[in-house]
C-alpha atoms as a PDB file:
ATOM      1  CA  MET A   1    -121.210 232.222 -46.884  1.00  0.00           C
ATOM      2  CA  ARG A   2    -124.875 231.637 -47.100  1.00  0.00           C
ATOM      3  CA  SER A   3    -125.719 235.253 -46.185  1.00  0.00           C
ATOM      4  CA  ASN A   4    -124.290 237.273 -49.149  1.00  0.00           C
ATOM      5  CA  HIS A   5    -126.685 239.716 -50.378  1.00  0.00           C
ATOM      6  CA  PRO A   6    -127.692 237.958 -53.655  1.00  0.00           C
ATOM      7  CA  GLU A   7    -129.218 235.196 -51.503  1.00  0.00           C
ATOM      8  CA  PHE A   8    -130.795 237.472 -48.792  1.00  0.00           C
ATOM      9  CA  PRO A   9    -131.370 240.715 -50.716  1.00  0.00           C
ATOM     10  CA  GLY A  10    -134.203 241.931 -48.452  1.00  0.00           C
ATOM     11  CA  LEU A  11    -132.239 241.436 -45.344  1.00  0.00           C
ATOM     12  CA  TYR A  12    -129.148 243.090 -46.884  1.00  0.00           C
ATOM     13  CA  ARG A  13    -131.087 246.035 -47.849  1.00  0.00           C
ATOM     14  CA  ALA A  14    -132.528 246.488 -44.415  1.00  0.00           C
ATOM     15  CA  TYR A  15    -129.141 246.033 -42.653  1.00  0.00           C
ATOM     16  CA  LEU A  16    -127.504 248.473 -45.018  1.00  0.00           C
ATOM     17  CA  LEU A  17    -130.093 250.966 -44.196  1.00  0.00           C
ATOM     18  CA  ILE A  18    -129.675 250.347 -40.348  1.00  0.00           C
ATOM     19  CA  ALA A  19    -125.874 250.639 -40.726  1.00  0.00           C
ATOM     20  CA  LEU A  20    -126.174 253.989 -42.849  1.00  0.00           C
ATOM     21  CA  ASP A  21    -128.745 255.385 -40.372  1.00  0.00           C
ATOM     22  CA  ASN A  22    -126.694 254.528 -37.247  1.00  0.00           C
ATOM     23  CA  GLY A  23    -123.124 255.223 -38.301  1.00  0.00           C
ATOM     24  CA  GLY A  24    -122.190 251.662 -38.864  1.00  0.00           C
ATOM     25  CA  ILE A  25    -120.756 252.757 -42.375  1.00  0.00           C
ATOM     26  CA  ASN A  26    -118.282 255.669 -42.154  1.00  0.00           C
ATOM     27  CA  ARG A  27    -114.942 256.740 -43.244  1.00  0.00           C
ATOM     28  CA  CYS A  28    -113.299 254.154 -40.900  1.00  0.00           C
ATOM     29  CA  ARG A  29    -115.712 251.404 -41.836  1.00  0.00           C
ATOM     30  CA  SER A  30    -116.503 250.771 -45.507  1.00  0.00           C
ATOM     31  CA  VAL A  31    -119.495 249.047 -47.157  1.00  0.00           C
ATOM     32  CA  GLU A  32    -117.295 246.170 -47.816  1.00  0.00           C
ATOM     33  CA  ASP A  33    -116.371 245.874 -44.090  1.00  0.00           C
ATOM     34  CA  GLN A  34    -120.170 246.060 -43.282  1.00  0.00           C
ATOM     35  CA  ARG A  35    -120.952 243.254 -45.849  1.00  0.00           C
ATOM     36  CA  ARG A  36    -118.220 241.124 -44.324  1.00  0.00           C
ATOM     37  CA  ASP A  37    -119.569 241.671 -40.775  1.00  0.00           C
ATOM     38  CA  PHE A  38    -123.166 241.090 -42.057  1.00  0.00           C
ATOM     39  CA  ASP A  39    -122.067 237.784 -43.632  1.00  0.00           C
ATOM     40  CA  ARG A  40    -120.347 236.604 -40.394  1.00  0.00           C
ATOM     41  CA  TRP A  41    -123.350 237.633 -38.184  1.00  0.00           C
ATOM     42  CA  ALA A  42    -125.868 235.949 -40.624  1.00  0.00           C
ATOM     43  CA  ASP A  43    -123.934 232.723 -40.607  1.00  0.00           C
ATOM     44  CA  LYS A  44    -124.728 232.439 -36.853  1.00  0.00           C
ATOM     45  CA  GLN A  45    -128.582 232.971 -37.253  1.00  0.00           C
ATOM     46  CA  PRO A  46    -131.204 230.220 -37.818  1.00  0.00           C
ATOM     47  CA  LEU A  47    -131.707 229.777 -41.682  1.00  0.00           C
ATOM     48  CA  GLN A  48    -135.475 229.625 -41.230  1.00  0.00           C
ATOM     49  CA  THR A  49    -135.438 233.023 -39.451  1.00  0.00           C
ATOM     50  CA  LEU A  50    -133.259 234.476 -42.124  1.00  0.00           C
ATOM     51  CA  SER A  51    -135.374 233.147 -44.924  1.00  0.00           C
ATOM     52  CA  SER A  52    -138.755 234.142 -43.627  1.00  0.00           C
ATOM     53  CA  SER A  53    -137.551 237.609 -42.693  1.00  0.00           C
ATOM     54  CA  ASP A  54    -135.878 238.057 -45.964  1.00  0.00           C
ATOM     55  CA  ALA A  55    -138.964 237.090 -47.952  1.00  0.00           C
ATOM     56  CA  TRP A  56    -140.995 239.511 -46.088  1.00  0.00           C
ATOM     57  CA  LEU A  57    -138.506 242.375 -46.288  1.00  0.00           C
ATOM     58  CA  SER A  58    -138.059 241.783 -49.972  1.00  0.00           C
ATOM     59  CA  SER A  59    -141.721 242.252 -50.546  1.00  0.00           C
ATOM     60  CA  LEU A  60    -141.665 245.821 -49.272  1.00  0.00           C
ATOM     61  CA  SER A  61    -141.431 249.068 -51.107  1.00  0.00           C
ATOM     62  CA  GLN A  62    -138.357 251.156 -50.579  1.00  0.00           C
ATOM     63  CA  GLU A  63    -140.379 253.594 -48.454  1.00  0.00           C
ATOM     64  CA  ARG A  64    -141.841 250.876 -46.165  1.00  0.00           C
ATOM     65  CA  LEU A  65    -138.455 249.192 -45.860  1.00  0.00           C
ATOM     66  CA  GLU A  66    -136.945 252.536 -44.643  1.00  0.00           C
ATOM     67  CA  LEU A  67    -139.670 252.832 -42.003  1.00  0.00           C
ATOM     68  CA  VAL A  68    -139.078 249.272 -40.857  1.00  0.00           C
ATOM     69  CA  ALA A  69    -135.306 249.533 -40.817  1.00  0.00           C
ATOM     70  CA  SER A  70    -134.811 253.177 -39.589  1.00  0.00           C
ATOM     71  CA  GLY A  71    -138.208 254.075 -38.068  1.00  0.00           C
ATOM     72  CA  GLY A  72    -140.608 256.675 -38.984  1.00  0.00           C
ATOM     73  CA  GLN A  73    -141.538 260.221 -37.750  1.00  0.00           C
ATOM     74  CA  ASP A  74    -143.631 258.623 -34.938  1.00  0.00           C
ATOM     75  CA  GLU A  75    -144.282 255.134 -33.490  1.00  0.00           C
ATOM     76  CA  PRO A  76    -147.587 254.487 -35.220  1.00  0.00           C
ATOM     77  CA  ASP A  77    -145.915 254.885 -38.647  1.00  0.00           C
ATOM     78  CA  THR A  78    -143.291 252.233 -37.698  1.00  0.00           C
ATOM     79  CA  ILE A  79    -145.755 249.939 -36.259  1.00  0.00           C
ATOM     80  CA  ALA A  80    -148.030 250.211 -39.302  1.00  0.00           C
ATOM     81  CA  ALA A  81    -144.933 249.470 -41.589  1.00  0.00           C
ATOM     82  CA  LYS A  82    -144.323 246.209 -39.695  1.00  0.00           C
ATOM     83  CA  GLU A  83    -147.857 244.902 -40.046  1.00  0.00           C
ATOM     84  CA  GLY A  84    -147.651 241.261 -41.326  1.00  0.00           C
ATOM     85  CA  ALA A  85    -143.958 240.946 -40.462  1.00  0.00           C
ATOM     86  CA  PRO A  86    -142.506 237.577 -39.159  1.00  0.00           C
ATOM     87  CA  ASP A  87    -142.840 237.455 -35.306  1.00  0.00           C
ATOM     88  CA  ASP A  88    -139.048 237.201 -34.876  1.00  0.00           C
ATOM     89  CA  LEU A  89    -138.175 240.168 -37.221  1.00  0.00           C
ATOM     90  CA  ASP A  90    -137.732 242.763 -34.442  1.00  0.00           C
ATOM     91  CA  ASP A  91    -135.336 240.314 -32.466  1.00  0.00           C
ATOM     92  CA  LEU A  92    -133.424 239.819 -35.777  1.00  0.00           C
ATOM     93  CA  LEU A  93    -133.049 243.427 -36.502  1.00  0.00           C
ATOM     94  CA  ASN A  94    -132.135 244.286 -32.980  1.00  0.00           C
ATOM     95  CA  SER A  95    -129.474 241.485 -32.844  1.00  0.00           C
ATOM     96  CA  TYR A  96    -127.814 242.856 -36.007  1.00  0.00           C
ATOM     97  CA  PHE A  97    -127.794 246.455 -34.527  1.00  0.00           C
ATOM     98  CA  ASP A  98    -126.376 245.074 -31.203  1.00  0.00           C
ATOM     99  CA  GLU A  99    -123.899 242.833 -32.607  1.00  0.00           C
ATOM    100  CA  VAL A 100    -122.693 244.473 -35.851  1.00  0.00           C
ATOM    101  CA  CYS A 101    -123.682 248.079 -36.054  1.00  0.00           C
END
């Protein structure tokens, strides 16, 4: 599968944070289950979208990545964290949340 985390480390880190923050990983659904579901979902996404989003997410500090993936204390924090993001990043993150998480 093209979407394993070594190939898309930024995306995988973001999606892992989303899953942890929203109960997508729990005693009934392991990290391995989440990784398998991530791989299936990512295989259906356009490669260019995955690549550009991964490159941008990979450049973020852990703190900024957490703001992008899970939100901040208020909306301005989250908006500021997404400055410079690819145009389709929000759609990609929301698609993952809706379809996998």
